[in-house]
Amino acid sequence: MTSRTGTRSRAMERAADVATYLIDPDDSSVSLHARNLACAGFRGVFRHVAGTLTLDRERPERTAFAVYATAASLDTGSEERDARMCGAAFLDAGRHPLVSFWSSSAEVHHAGLFRLVGNLSLRGITQPLVVDAVRHERARGPQGPELVTVAGRSVLKRSEWSPLRTAGVEAGAWFAGDDVELFFDVCAVKQEPLGWRP
């Protein structure tokens, strides 16, 4: 018969293998890169992001990543372009204020490199998305909390969320092509587990 103490000990050991991290909005970003008719391309950064990361050291394929960005916080360096991209032709931020990605599984290649399989929600539509990512762990100072950084990249098709639109030069030449690269550069802070209650 398994003792109550032994069951509790194994539960605590298992809990120690699973860690939850909160994304630090001041040290993280979600950005996109798209081609432009007038030049090689442009980049936009979502200034308001949040999310969580869960790492299971015993079963790394259970790694879970969720990140949320406020659509209206997109900053491309041009107020005119920001207004167009946050408008109905692309993000439609007025009706769909969040851009969200959450993983459902992880494919671990080798130390630090993995592929997140999940879903992206954009313009109120959810589509599958695969993110190739690399993870690094570091500490914030001698006695600071454990940090994890994740850098990920994916490519989405604009036509899966909205009709493909290509503006002419007279209209600002703001978009060309269907592919948009997404980049996730996040720093997450480890959260202390809740204390065990007998």
C-alpha atoms as a PDB file:
ATOM      1  CA  MET A   1       0.000   0.000   0.000  1.00  0.00           C
ATOM      2  CA  THR A   2       1.323   3.419  -0.908  1.00  0.00           C
ATOM      3  CA  SER A   3       1.716   5.665   2.084  1.00  0.00           C
ATOM      4  CA  ARG A   4       0.150   9.088   2.160  1.00  0.00           C
ATOM      5  CA  THR A   5       3.585  10.595   2.766  1.00  0.00           C
ATOM      6  CA  GLY A   6       5.049   8.810  -0.258  1.00  0.00           C
ATOM      7  CA  THR A   7       2.220   9.986  -2.513  1.00  0.00           C
ATOM      8  CA  ARG A   8       2.651  13.531  -1.270  1.00  0.00           C
ATOM      9  CA  SER A   9       6.419  13.394  -1.860  1.00  0.00           C
ATOM     10  CA  ARG A  10       6.022  12.202  -5.444  1.00  0.00           C
ATOM     11  CA  ALA A  11       3.407  14.863  -6.090  1.00  0.00           C
ATOM     12  CA  MET A  12       5.797  17.526  -4.828  1.00  0.00           C
ATOM     13  CA  GLU A  13       8.630  16.156  -6.978  1.00  0.00           C
ATOM     14  CA  ARG A  14       6.370  16.154 -10.019  1.00  0.00           C
ATOM     15  CA  ALA A  15       5.270  19.729  -9.303  1.00  0.00           C
ATOM     16  CA  ALA A  16       8.922  20.776  -9.158  1.00  0.00           C
ATOM     17  CA  ASP A  17       9.391  19.501 -12.728  1.00  0.00           C
ATOM     18  CA  VAL A  18       6.636  21.810 -14.005  1.00  0.00           C
ATOM     19  CA  ALA A  19       7.282  25.550 -13.900  1.00  0.00           C
ATOM     20  CA  THR A  20       5.071  28.460 -14.902  1.00  0.00           C
ATOM     21  CA  TYR A  21       6.485  31.747 -16.176  1.00  0.00           C
ATOM     22  CA  LEU A  22       4.787  35.095 -16.772  1.00  0.00           C
ATOM     23  CA  ILE A  23       5.828  37.110 -19.798  1.00  0.00           C
ATOM     24  CA  ASP A  24       7.477  40.396 -18.824  1.00  0.00           C
ATOM     25  CA  PRO A  25       5.753  43.043 -20.994  1.00  0.00           C
ATOM     26  CA  ASP A  26       8.635  45.487 -20.496  1.00  0.00           C
ATOM     27  CA  ASP A  27      11.196  43.048 -21.899  1.00  0.00           C
ATOM     28  CA  SER A  28       9.133  41.279 -24.570  1.00  0.00           C
ATOM     29  CA  SER A  29       7.748  41.994 -28.011  1.00  0.00           C
ATOM     30  CA  VAL A  30       5.627  40.530 -30.759  1.00  0.00           C
ATOM     31  CA  SER A  31       6.402  41.921 -34.186  1.00  0.00           C
ATOM     32  CA  LEU A  32       5.616  41.401 -37.831  1.00  0.00           C
ATOM     33  CA  HIS A  33       7.469  41.974 -41.075  1.00  0.00           C
ATOM     34  CA  ALA A  34       5.771  42.436 -44.431  1.00  0.00           C
ATOM     35  CA  ARG A  35       6.810  43.332 -47.953  1.00  0.00           C
ATOM     36  CA  ASN A  36       6.094  46.793 -49.240  1.00  0.00           C
ATOM     37  CA  LEU A  37       5.633  47.919 -52.861  1.00  0.00           C
ATOM     38  CA  ALA A  38       7.833  50.943 -52.337  1.00  0.00           C
ATOM     39  CA  CYS A  39      10.754  49.259 -50.543  1.00  0.00           C
ATOM     40  CA  ALA A  40      12.085  45.941 -49.278  1.00  0.00           C
ATOM     41  CA  GLY A  41       9.647  45.775 -46.401  1.00  0.00           C
ATOM     42  CA  PHE A  42       8.614  47.195 -43.073  1.00  0.00           C
ATOM     43  CA  ARG A  43       8.366  45.997 -39.496  1.00  0.00           C
ATOM     44  CA  GLY A  44       5.683  46.622 -36.912  1.00  0.00           C
ATOM     45  CA  VAL A  45       5.883  45.995 -33.162  1.00  0.00           C
ATOM     46  CA  PHE A  46       2.967  45.367 -30.833  1.00  0.00           C
ATOM     47  CA  ARG A  47       3.757  47.506 -27.793  1.00  0.00           C
ATOM     48  CA  HIS A  48       1.336  45.815 -25.363  1.00  0.00           C
ATOM     49  CA  VAL A  49       1.866  42.085 -24.841  1.00  0.00           C
ATOM     50  CA  ALA A  50       1.189  39.551 -22.083  1.00  0.00           C
ATOM     51  CA  GLY A  51       1.123  35.804 -21.665  1.00  0.00           C
ATOM     52  CA  THR A  52       2.417  32.680 -19.979  1.00  0.00           C
ATOM     53  CA  LEU A  53       4.905  29.891 -20.550  1.00  0.00           C
ATOM     54  CA  THR A  54       4.738  26.482 -18.895  1.00  0.00           C
ATOM     55  CA  LEU A  55       7.770  24.174 -18.993  1.00  0.00           C
ATOM     56  CA  ASP A  56       7.613  20.486 -18.124  1.00  0.00           C
ATOM     57  CA  ARG A  57      11.172  19.271 -17.706  1.00  0.00           C
ATOM     58  CA  GLU A  58      10.152  15.621 -17.462  1.00  0.00           C
ATOM     59  CA  ARG A  59       7.912  15.794 -20.531  1.00  0.00           C
ATOM     60  CA  PRO A  60       9.100  18.763 -22.641  1.00  0.00           C
ATOM     61  CA  GLU A  61       6.546  17.982 -25.351  1.00  0.00           C
ATOM     62  CA  ARG A  62       4.001  19.421 -22.916  1.00  0.00           C
ATOM     63  CA  THR A  63       5.560  22.861 -23.132  1.00  0.00           C
ATOM     64  CA  ALA A  64       2.739  25.408 -23.348  1.00  0.00           C
ATOM     65  CA  PHE A  65       3.036  28.961 -24.651  1.00  0.00           C
ATOM     66  CA  ALA A  66       0.328  31.617 -24.801  1.00  0.00           C
ATOM     67  CA  VAL A  67       0.861  35.224 -25.855  1.00  0.00           C
ATOM     68  CA  TYR A  68      -1.611  38.053 -26.334  1.00  0.00           C
ATOM     69  CA  ALA A  69      -1.033  41.397 -28.047  1.00  0.00           C
ATOM     70  CA  THR A  70      -3.295  44.420 -28.199  1.00  0.00           C
ATOM     71  CA  ALA A  71      -3.983  44.954 -31.896  1.00  0.00           C
ATOM     72  CA  ALA A  72      -4.248  48.727 -31.593  1.00  0.00           C
ATOM     73  CA  SER A  73      -0.751  48.905 -30.030  1.00  0.00           C
ATOM     74  CA  LEU A  74       0.917  48.102 -33.390  1.00  0.00           C
ATOM     75  CA  ASP A  75       3.701  50.592 -34.119  1.00  0.00           C
ATOM     76  CA  THR A  76       5.271  50.615 -37.595  1.00  0.00           C
ATOM     77  CA  GLY A  77       6.927  54.002 -37.300  1.00  0.00           C
ATOM     78  CA  SER A  78       4.301  55.663 -39.502  1.00  0.00           C
ATOM     79  CA  GLU A  79       1.024  56.991 -38.116  1.00  0.00           C
ATOM     80  CA  GLU A  80      -0.637  56.691 -41.534  1.00  0.00           C
ATOM     81  CA  ARG A  81       0.455  53.079 -41.944  1.00  0.00           C
ATOM     82  CA  ASP A  82      -0.520  52.255 -38.341  1.00  0.00           C
ATOM     83  CA  ALA A  83      -4.029  53.571 -39.008  1.00  0.00           C
ATOM     84  CA  ARG A  84      -4.361  51.477 -42.156  1.00  0.00           C
ATOM     85  CA  MET A  85      -3.006  48.288 -40.600  1.00  0.00           C
ATOM     86  CA  CYS A  86      -5.174  48.634 -37.496  1.00  0.00           C
ATOM     87  CA  GLY A  87      -8.150  49.342 -39.738  1.00  0.00           C
ATOM     88  CA  ALA A  88     -10.639  46.981 -41.356  1.00  0.00           C
ATOM     89  CA  ALA A  89      -8.309  45.952 -44.208  1.00  0.00           C
ATOM     90  CA  PHE A  90      -5.934  44.072 -41.911  1.00  0.00           C
ATOM     91  CA  LEU A  91      -6.192  43.880 -38.091  1.00  0.00           C
ATOM     92  CA  ASP A  92      -9.642  45.443 -37.712  1.00  0.00           C
ATOM     93  CA  ALA A  93      -8.615  46.400 -34.174  1.00  0.00           C
ATOM     94  CA  GLY A  94     -11.862  48.188 -33.407  1.00  0.00           C
ATOM     95  CA  ARG A  95     -13.870  44.972 -33.607  1.00  0.00           C
ATOM     96  CA  HIS A  96     -11.116  42.497 -32.709  1.00  0.00           C
ATOM     97  CA  PRO A  97      -8.857  44.080 -30.070  1.00  0.00           C
ATOM     98  CA  LEU A  98      -6.582  41.065 -29.412  1.00  0.00           C
ATOM     99  CA  VAL A  99      -4.109  39.090 -31.483  1.00  0.00           C
ATOM    100  CA  SER A 100      -3.535  35.772 -29.707  1.00  0.00           C
ATOM    101  CA  PHE A 101      -1.395  32.676 -30.112  1.00  0.00           C
ATOM    102  CA  TRP A 102      -1.576  29.614 -27.883  1.00  0.00           C
ATOM    103  CA  SER A 103       0.156  26.301 -28.355  1.00  0.00           C
ATOM    104  CA  SER A 104      -1.490  22.887 -28.115  1.00  0.00           C
ATOM    105  CA  SER A 105       1.678  20.772 -28.375  1.00  0.00           C
ATOM    106  CA  ALA A 106       5.431  21.053 -28.738  1.00  0.00           C
ATOM    107  CA  GLU A 107       7.866  19.101 -30.874  1.00  0.00           C
ATOM    108  CA  VAL A 108      11.286  19.106 -29.211  1.00  0.00           C
ATOM    109  CA  HIS A 109      14.187  18.799 -31.653  1.00  0.00           C
ATOM    110  CA  HIS A 110      17.149  19.094 -29.282  1.00  0.00           C
ATOM    111  CA  ALA A 111      18.258  21.225 -26.359  1.00  0.00           C
ATOM    112  CA  GLY A 112      16.644  24.631 -26.621  1.00  0.00           C
ATOM    113  CA  LEU A 113      15.149  24.150 -30.083  1.00  0.00           C
ATOM    114  CA  PHE A 114      11.521  23.220 -30.475  1.00  0.00           C
ATOM    115  CA  ARG A 115       8.432  23.697 -32.632  1.00  0.00           C
ATOM    116  CA  LEU A 116       5.173  24.959 -31.159  1.00  0.00           C
ATOM    117  CA  VAL A 117       1.994  23.739 -32.804  1.00  0.00           C
ATOM    118  CA  GLY A 118      -1.023  25.848 -31.975  1.00  0.00           C
ATOM    119  CA  ASN A 119      -3.527  28.424 -33.142  1.00  0.00           C
ATOM    120  CA  LEU A 120      -3.460  32.094 -34.032  1.00  0.00           C
ATOM    121  CA  SER A 121      -6.536  34.228 -33.518  1.00  0.00           C
ATOM    122  CA  LEU A 122      -6.661  37.327 -35.715  1.00  0.00           C
ATOM    123  CA  ARG A 123      -9.640  39.410 -36.838  1.00  0.00           C
ATOM    124  CA  GLY A 124     -11.921  37.057 -34.900  1.00  0.00           C
ATOM    125  CA  ILE A 125     -10.792  34.064 -36.984  1.00  0.00           C
ATOM    126  CA  THR A 126      -8.686  31.224 -35.583  1.00  0.00           C
ATOM    127  CA  GLN A 127      -6.292  29.273 -37.810  1.00  0.00           C
ATOM    128  CA  PRO A 128      -3.538  26.715 -37.099  1.00  0.00           C
ATOM    129  CA  LEU A 129      -0.043  28.137 -36.818  1.00  0.00           C
ATOM    130  CA  VAL A 130       3.381  26.549 -36.302  1.00  0.00           C
ATOM    131  CA  VAL A 131       6.131  28.542 -34.567  1.00  0.00           C
ATOM    132  CA  ASP A 132       9.790  27.508 -34.685  1.00  0.00           C
ATOM    133  CA  ALA A 133      11.447  28.648 -31.478  1.00  0.00           C
ATOM    134  CA  VAL A 134      14.599  28.594 -29.390  1.00  0.00           C
ATOM    135  CA  ARG A 135      14.652  28.800 -25.587  1.00  0.00           C
ATOM    136  CA  HIS A 136      17.355  30.024 -23.223  1.00  0.00           C
ATOM    137  CA  GLU A 137      17.374  30.107 -19.422  1.00  0.00           C
ATOM    138  CA  ARG A 138      19.152  32.678 -17.305  1.00  0.00           C
ATOM    139  CA  ALA A 139      19.008  34.254 -13.856  1.00  0.00           C
ATOM    140  CA  ARG A 140      18.284  37.883 -13.044  1.00  0.00           C
ATOM    141  CA  GLY A 141      21.083  38.680 -10.663  1.00  0.00           C
ATOM    142  CA  PRO A 142      22.596  36.444  -7.937  1.00  0.00           C
ATOM    143  CA  GLN A 143      19.332  36.141  -6.025  1.00  0.00           C
ATOM    144  CA  GLY A 144      16.885  37.162  -8.744  1.00  0.00           C
ATOM    145  CA  PRO A 145      14.114  35.007 -10.200  1.00  0.00           C
ATOM    146  CA  GLU A 146      14.804  32.509 -12.924  1.00  0.00           C
ATOM    147  CA  LEU A 147      14.137  33.843 -16.405  1.00  0.00           C
ATOM    148  CA  VAL A 148      13.428  32.116 -19.691  1.00  0.00           C
ATOM    149  CA  THR A 149      13.715  33.797 -23.057  1.00  0.00           C
ATOM    150  CA  VAL A 150      11.941  32.463 -26.123  1.00  0.00           C
ATOM    151  CA  ALA A 151      12.564  33.647 -29.679  1.00  0.00           C
ATOM    152  CA  GLY A 152      10.102  32.319 -32.235  1.00  0.00           C
ATOM    153  CA  ARG A 153       9.260  32.856 -35.893  1.00  0.00           C
ATOM    154  CA  SER A 154       6.345  31.916 -38.109  1.00  0.00           C
ATOM    155  CA  VAL A 155       4.796  32.918 -41.435  1.00  0.00           C
ATOM    156  CA  LEU A 156       1.097  33.510 -41.930  1.00  0.00           C
ATOM    157  CA  LYS A 157      -0.934  34.084 -45.073  1.00  0.00           C
ATOM    158  CA  ARG A 158      -2.914  37.318 -45.036  1.00  0.00           C
ATOM    159  CA  SER A 159      -5.497  35.754 -47.312  1.00  0.00           C
ATOM    160  CA  GLU A 160      -6.438  33.303 -44.554  1.00  0.00           C
ATOM    161  CA  TRP A 161      -7.683  36.200 -42.395  1.00  0.00           C
ATOM    162  CA  SER A 162      -8.747  38.831 -44.923  1.00  0.00           C
ATOM    163  CA  PRO A 163      -8.984  39.238 -48.691  1.00  0.00           C
ATOM    164  CA  LEU A 164      -5.603  39.880 -50.253  1.00  0.00           C
ATOM    165  CA  ARG A 165      -5.305  43.617 -50.756  1.00  0.00           C
ATOM    166  CA  THR A 166      -2.490  45.391 -52.557  1.00  0.00           C
ATOM    167  CA  ALA A 167      -2.613  49.155 -52.516  1.00  0.00           C
ATOM    168  CA  GLY A 168      -1.217  51.210 -55.393  1.00  0.00           C
ATOM    169  CA  VAL A 169       1.592  53.716 -55.040  1.00  0.00           C
ATOM    170  CA  GLU A 170      -0.946  56.556 -54.970  1.00  0.00           C
ATOM    171  CA  ALA A 171      -2.619  54.959 -51.940  1.00  0.00           C
ATOM    172  CA  GLY A 172       0.641  54.664 -50.043  1.00  0.00           C
ATOM    173  CA  ALA A 173       2.034  51.353 -51.362  1.00  0.00           C
ATOM    174  CA  TRP A 174       1.644  49.870 -47.886  1.00  0.00           C
ATOM    175  CA  PHE A 175       1.388  46.149 -48.652  1.00  0.00           C
ATOM    176  CA  ALA A 176       2.474  43.642 -51.270  1.00  0.00           C
ATOM    177  CA  GLY A 177       2.228  39.875 -51.274  1.00  0.00           C
ATOM    178  CA  ASP A 178       0.475  37.400 -49.041  1.00  0.00           C
ATOM    179  CA  ASP A 179       3.193  36.376 -46.555  1.00  0.00           C
ATOM    180  CA  VAL A 180       3.626  38.123 -43.215  1.00  0.00           C
ATOM    181  CA  GLU A 181       6.415  37.042 -40.865  1.00  0.00           C
ATOM    182  CA  LEU A 182       5.623  36.931 -37.162  1.00  0.00           C
ATOM    183  CA  PHE A 183       8.333  37.162 -34.509  1.00  0.00           C
ATOM    184  CA  PHE A 184       7.950  36.382 -30.814  1.00  0.00           C
ATOM    185  CA  ASP A 185      10.759  37.655 -28.587  1.00  0.00           C
ATOM    186  CA  VAL A 186       9.734  37.202 -24.987  1.00  0.00           C
ATOM    187  CA  CYS A 187      11.309  37.143 -21.577  1.00  0.00           C
ATOM    188  CA  ALA A 188       9.327  35.290 -18.917  1.00  0.00           C
ATOM    189  CA  VAL A 189       9.770  35.320 -15.146  1.00  0.00           C
ATOM    190  CA  LYS A 190       9.374  32.116 -13.144  1.00  0.00           C
ATOM    191  CA  GLN A 191       6.502  32.087 -10.679  1.00  0.00           C
ATOM    192  CA  GLU A 192       6.869  30.459  -7.297  1.00  0.00           C
ATOM    193  CA  PRO A 193       4.634  27.396  -6.902  1.00  0.00           C
ATOM    194  CA  LEU A 194       1.878  27.438  -4.336  1.00  0.00           C
ATOM    195  CA  GLY A 195       2.809  25.890  -1.031  1.00  0.00           C
ATOM    196  CA  TRP A 196       1.700  22.319  -0.329  1.00  0.00           C
ATOM    197  CA  ARG A 197      -1.283  21.977   1.945  1.00  0.00           C
ATOM    198  CA  PRO A 198      -1.779  18.583   3.650  1.00  0.00           C
END
